[in-house]
Amino acid sequence: MDAVKVDVNSIPDETGRRFGQCIIAGLREYLKQPGAREALDARTRARNERRNSSGHESVPAVVH
């Protein structure tokens, strides 16, 4: 499967803001569900444990 690459610099500022607002609104709705916070915290802990046990250091995101 080929990776999809998006040039985020070509996204207009207003579109980026609206997209971000939609993501935050969706997260807020998700967190209203019973047990959602606990499930999210558990997934976050598991992801962090996988990263820490892999022996690789995190690389900071590159902003163009």
Protein backbone atom coordinates (compact mmCIF):
# COMPACT_ATOMS: atom_id res chain seq x y z
CA MET A 1 0.00 0.00 0.00
CA ASP A 2 1.33 3.45 -0.88
CA ALA A 3 1.53 6.19 1.71
CA VAL A 4 -0.52 9.32 1.28
CA LYS A 5 1.48 12.53 1.56
CA VAL A 6 -0.16 15.89 2.18
CA ASP A 7 1.61 19.22 1.87
CA VAL A 8 0.13 20.87 4.96
CA ASN A 9 1.64 24.19 3.90
CA SER A 10 -0.83 24.27 1.01
CA ILE A 11 -3.84 24.10 3.36
CA PRO A 12 -5.31 27.59 3.91
CA ASP A 13 -5.09 28.84 7.51
CA GLU A 14 -8.86 29.07 7.91
CA THR A 15 -9.33 25.49 6.68
CA GLY A 16 -6.68 24.29 9.13
CA ARG A 17 -8.40 26.10 12.00
CA ARG A 18 -11.78 24.63 11.11
CA PHE A 19 -10.31 21.15 10.83
CA GLY A 20 -8.68 21.54 14.24
CA GLN A 21 -11.96 22.72 15.75
CA CYS A 22 -13.71 19.63 14.34
CA ILE A 23 -11.07 17.33 15.80
CA ILE A 24 -11.38 18.95 19.26
CA ALA A 25 -15.19 18.83 19.12
CA GLY A 26 -15.06 15.13 18.22
CA LEU A 27 -12.66 14.39 21.07
CA ARG A 28 -14.90 16.22 23.54
CA GLU A 29 -17.91 14.20 22.39
CA TYR A 30 -15.93 10.97 22.64
CA LEU A 31 -14.80 11.79 26.18
CA LYS A 32 -18.44 12.26 27.27
CA GLN A 33 -18.98 8.51 26.83
CA PRO A 34 -18.71 6.38 29.98
CA GLY A 35 -15.25 4.85 30.26
CA ALA A 36 -13.83 6.81 27.34
CA ARG A 37 -11.23 8.69 29.40
CA GLU A 38 -10.02 5.46 30.97
CA ALA A 39 -9.81 3.74 27.58
CA LEU A 40 -7.89 6.67 26.09
CA ASP A 41 -5.51 6.75 29.07
CA ALA A 42 -4.92 2.98 28.77
CA ARG A 43 -4.14 3.27 25.04
CA THR A 44 -1.81 6.20 25.72
CA ARG A 45 0.05 4.23 28.43
CA ALA A 46 0.37 1.20 26.14
CA ARG A 47 1.71 3.34 23.28
CA ASN A 48 4.24 5.02 25.59
CA GLU A 49 5.35 1.64 26.95
CA ARG A 50 5.86 0.32 23.40
CA ARG A 51 7.92 3.38 22.55
CA ASN A 52 10.02 3.08 25.69
CA SER A 53 10.62 -0.65 25.30
CA SER A 54 11.65 -0.40 21.65
CA GLY A 55 15.05 0.99 22.57
CA HIS A 56 14.62 3.88 20.15
CA GLU A 57 14.58 7.48 21.18
CA SER A 58 11.70 9.71 20.16
CA VAL A 59 12.46 12.05 17.32
CA PRO A 60 10.77 15.44 17.47
CA ALA A 61 8.39 16.33 14.68
CA VAL A 62 9.87 18.33 11.84
CA VAL A 63 7.98 21.52 11.04
CA HIS A 64 8.51 22.98 7.60
